N, C-alpha and C. Protein backbone atom coordinates (compact mmCIF):
# COMPACT_ATOMS: atom_id res chain seq x y z
N MET A 1 132.53 100.79 134.14
CA MET A 1 132.31 99.69 133.23
C MET A 1 131.33 98.68 133.82
N LEU A 2 131.49 98.34 135.07
CA LEU A 2 130.60 97.37 135.69
C LEU A 2 129.26 97.99 136.08
N ARG A 3 129.24 99.30 136.30
CA ARG A 3 128.01 99.94 136.74
C ARG A 3 126.88 99.79 135.71
N PRO A 4 127.11 100.07 134.41
CA PRO A 4 126.02 99.87 133.44
C PRO A 4 125.56 98.42 133.38
N LEU A 5 126.48 97.50 133.53
CA LEU A 5 126.11 96.09 133.52
C LEU A 5 125.25 95.75 134.73
N ALA A 6 125.60 96.30 135.89
CA ALA A 6 124.81 96.05 137.10
C ALA A 6 123.42 96.65 136.97
N VAL A 7 123.33 97.85 136.40
CA VAL A 7 122.03 98.49 136.21
C VAL A 7 121.18 97.67 135.24
N ALA A 8 121.78 97.24 134.14
CA ALA A 8 121.05 96.43 133.15
C ALA A 8 120.58 95.12 133.76
N ALA A 9 121.43 94.49 134.54
CA ALA A 9 121.05 93.22 135.18
C ALA A 9 119.93 93.44 136.18
N SER A 10 119.99 94.53 136.93
CA SER A 10 118.93 94.83 137.91
C SER A 10 117.60 95.08 137.21
N LEU A 11 117.63 95.84 136.12
CA LEU A 11 116.41 96.10 135.36
C LEU A 11 115.83 94.82 134.77
N ALA A 12 116.69 93.99 134.23
CA ALA A 12 116.23 92.73 133.65
C ALA A 12 115.59 91.85 134.71
N LEU A 13 116.19 91.80 135.87
CA LEU A 13 115.65 91.00 136.97
C LEU A 13 114.30 91.54 137.43
N ALA A 14 114.18 92.87 137.51
CA ALA A 14 112.91 93.48 137.93
C ALA A 14 111.80 93.19 136.92
N VAL A 15 112.11 93.31 135.64
CA VAL A 15 111.12 93.03 134.60
C VAL A 15 110.71 91.57 134.63
N LEU A 16 111.66 90.69 134.80
CA LEU A 16 111.37 89.26 134.87
C LEU A 16 110.48 88.95 136.07
N ALA A 17 110.79 89.54 137.20
CA ALA A 17 109.99 89.30 138.41
C ALA A 17 108.57 89.82 138.23
N MET A 18 108.41 90.96 137.60
CA MET A 18 107.07 91.50 137.38
C MET A 18 106.28 90.62 136.41
N GLY A 19 106.95 90.08 135.42
CA GLY A 19 106.28 89.23 134.45
C GLY A 19 105.86 87.90 135.03
N CYS A 20 106.59 87.40 135.99
CA CYS A 20 106.29 86.10 136.59
C CYS A 20 105.27 86.21 137.72
N ALA A 21 105.10 87.38 138.25
CA ALA A 21 104.18 87.54 139.38
C ALA A 21 102.75 87.60 138.85
N GLY A 22 101.99 86.59 139.16
CA GLY A 22 100.60 86.57 138.73
C GLY A 22 99.71 87.17 139.78
N SER A 23 98.53 87.56 139.37
CA SER A 23 97.59 88.09 140.34
C SER A 23 96.90 86.92 141.03
N SER A 24 96.48 87.15 142.25
CA SER A 24 95.81 86.08 142.97
C SER A 24 94.41 85.89 142.41
N PRO A 25 93.86 84.69 142.52
CA PRO A 25 92.52 84.44 142.00
C PRO A 25 91.48 85.26 142.75
N HIS A 26 90.39 85.56 142.08
CA HIS A 26 89.32 86.36 142.67
C HIS A 26 87.98 85.78 142.26
N ALA A 27 87.05 85.72 143.19
CA ALA A 27 85.69 85.27 142.89
C ALA A 27 84.71 86.25 143.51
N ASP A 28 83.64 86.53 142.80
CA ASP A 28 82.67 87.52 143.26
C ASP A 28 81.82 87.03 144.43
N ASN A 29 81.45 85.76 144.43
CA ASN A 29 80.48 85.28 145.42
C ASN A 29 81.04 84.25 146.40
N VAL A 30 82.37 84.20 146.54
CA VAL A 30 83.01 83.23 147.43
C VAL A 30 83.98 83.99 148.33
N ALA A 31 84.02 83.61 149.59
CA ALA A 31 84.97 84.24 150.51
C ALA A 31 86.40 84.02 150.02
N GLN A 32 87.24 85.03 150.16
CA GLN A 32 88.62 84.94 149.67
C GLN A 32 89.36 83.78 150.32
N GLU A 33 89.08 83.50 151.60
CA GLU A 33 89.75 82.39 152.29
C GLU A 33 89.39 81.05 151.64
N THR A 34 88.12 80.90 151.26
CA THR A 34 87.66 79.67 150.61
C THR A 34 88.31 79.53 149.25
N LEU A 35 88.33 80.62 148.51
CA LEU A 35 88.95 80.61 147.18
C LEU A 35 90.43 80.27 147.28
N ASP A 36 91.13 80.90 148.21
CA ASP A 36 92.56 80.63 148.38
C ASP A 36 92.81 79.17 148.75
N ALA A 37 91.98 78.61 149.63
CA ALA A 37 92.14 77.21 150.03
C ALA A 37 91.90 76.29 148.84
N ASP A 38 90.85 76.56 148.06
CA ASP A 38 90.56 75.74 146.88
C ASP A 38 91.70 75.83 145.87
N TYR A 39 92.17 77.05 145.63
CA TYR A 39 93.24 77.26 144.65
C TYR A 39 94.52 76.54 145.10
N ASN A 40 94.88 76.69 146.37
CA ASN A 40 96.09 76.04 146.88
C ASN A 40 95.98 74.52 146.80
N ASN A 41 94.79 73.99 147.08
CA ASN A 41 94.58 72.55 146.99
C ASN A 41 94.75 72.08 145.54
N CYS A 42 94.15 72.82 144.61
CA CYS A 42 94.26 72.44 143.20
C CYS A 42 95.69 72.60 142.69
N GLN A 43 96.37 73.65 143.13
CA GLN A 43 97.75 73.86 142.72
C GLN A 43 98.64 72.73 143.24
N SER A 44 98.40 72.30 144.47
CA SER A 44 99.15 71.19 145.03
C SER A 44 98.91 69.91 144.23
N ARG A 45 97.65 69.68 143.87
CA ARG A 45 97.32 68.51 143.04
C ARG A 45 98.06 68.57 141.71
N ALA A 46 98.11 69.74 141.11
CA ALA A 46 98.78 69.90 139.81
C ALA A 46 100.28 69.65 139.93
N LEU A 47 100.90 70.16 140.98
CA LEU A 47 102.34 69.97 141.16
C LEU A 47 102.69 68.51 141.42
N VAL A 48 101.90 67.85 142.24
CA VAL A 48 102.15 66.44 142.53
C VAL A 48 101.94 65.59 141.28
N SER A 49 100.92 65.91 140.51
CA SER A 49 100.59 65.13 139.32
C SER A 49 101.63 65.25 138.21
N THR A 50 102.41 66.32 138.23
CA THR A 50 103.38 66.54 137.16
C THR A 50 104.82 66.43 137.64
N ALA A 51 105.03 65.89 138.80
CA ALA A 51 106.37 65.84 139.40
C ALA A 51 107.37 65.07 138.55
N LEU A 52 106.93 64.10 137.79
CA LEU A 52 107.85 63.27 137.01
C LEU A 52 108.06 63.75 135.58
N ILE A 53 107.41 64.82 135.18
CA ILE A 53 107.59 65.35 133.82
C ILE A 53 108.90 66.12 133.78
N LYS A 54 109.79 65.75 132.88
CA LYS A 54 111.13 66.33 132.80
C LYS A 54 111.14 67.70 132.13
N SER A 55 110.34 67.90 131.10
CA SER A 55 110.32 69.15 130.36
C SER A 55 109.57 70.23 131.15
N ALA A 56 110.26 71.33 131.45
CA ALA A 56 109.64 72.40 132.24
C ALA A 56 108.41 72.98 131.55
N GLY A 57 108.51 73.22 130.25
CA GLY A 57 107.38 73.78 129.51
C GLY A 57 106.19 72.84 129.49
N GLU A 58 106.46 71.57 129.27
CA GLU A 58 105.40 70.57 129.25
C GLU A 58 104.76 70.45 130.64
N ALA A 59 105.58 70.48 131.68
CA ALA A 59 105.07 70.38 133.04
C ALA A 59 104.18 71.58 133.37
N GLU A 60 104.61 72.78 132.99
CA GLU A 60 103.82 73.99 133.26
C GLU A 60 102.48 73.94 132.54
N ASP A 61 102.49 73.50 131.29
CA ASP A 61 101.24 73.40 130.52
C ASP A 61 100.28 72.42 131.19
N LYS A 62 100.80 71.26 131.58
CA LYS A 62 99.96 70.24 132.21
C LYS A 62 99.47 70.71 133.58
N GLN A 63 100.33 71.42 134.33
CA GLN A 63 99.92 71.95 135.64
C GLN A 63 98.76 72.92 135.48
N GLN A 64 98.84 73.79 134.47
CA GLN A 64 97.77 74.76 134.26
C GLN A 64 96.47 74.05 133.87
N GLU A 65 96.59 73.02 133.05
CA GLU A 65 95.42 72.24 132.64
C GLU A 65 94.76 71.57 133.85
N ILE A 66 95.57 70.96 134.70
CA ILE A 66 95.05 70.29 135.90
C ILE A 66 94.44 71.31 136.85
N LEU A 67 95.10 72.44 137.03
CA LEU A 67 94.59 73.49 137.91
C LEU A 67 93.25 74.01 137.42
N ASP A 68 93.14 74.28 136.11
CA ASP A 68 91.88 74.76 135.54
C ASP A 68 90.76 73.75 135.73
N THR A 69 91.05 72.49 135.44
CA THR A 69 90.05 71.43 135.58
C THR A 69 89.60 71.29 137.03
N CYS A 70 90.56 71.31 137.95
CA CYS A 70 90.25 71.17 139.37
C CYS A 70 89.36 72.32 139.85
N MET A 71 89.69 73.53 139.44
CA MET A 71 88.88 74.68 139.87
C MET A 71 87.48 74.62 139.25
N GLN A 72 87.38 74.15 138.01
CA GLN A 72 86.07 74.00 137.38
C GLN A 72 85.24 72.94 138.11
N GLU A 73 85.89 71.87 138.55
CA GLU A 73 85.19 70.83 139.31
C GLU A 73 84.63 71.38 140.62
N ARG A 74 85.25 72.42 141.13
CA ARG A 74 84.79 73.04 142.38
C ARG A 74 83.77 74.15 142.13
N GLY A 75 83.41 74.35 140.87
CA GLY A 75 82.36 75.31 140.54
C GLY A 75 82.84 76.67 140.08
N TYR A 76 84.15 76.85 139.91
CA TYR A 76 84.67 78.13 139.45
C TYR A 76 84.72 78.14 137.93
N SER A 77 84.69 79.33 137.36
CA SER A 77 84.86 79.46 135.91
C SER A 77 85.86 80.57 135.63
N VAL A 78 86.49 80.50 134.48
CA VAL A 78 87.48 81.50 134.09
C VAL A 78 86.76 82.68 133.47
N LYS A 79 87.15 83.88 133.89
CA LYS A 79 86.54 85.09 133.32
C LYS A 79 87.36 85.58 132.17
């Protein structure tokens, strides 16, 4: 009885983890270390800037907006 429930829960967790795992950013003409540093800096800025937003969905949307703007300011573009 518990075994099917455990299997279903494990599968659901695996699917959720795969859906949440994003790919790392990539740039054709920039060293990966530079890109990672820029991305981490922008991500940190986004998290700090939205720390007081209570709604998780609203915070995530604003974080993505700040991250995109920050990366564009550094000369990156979205493909």
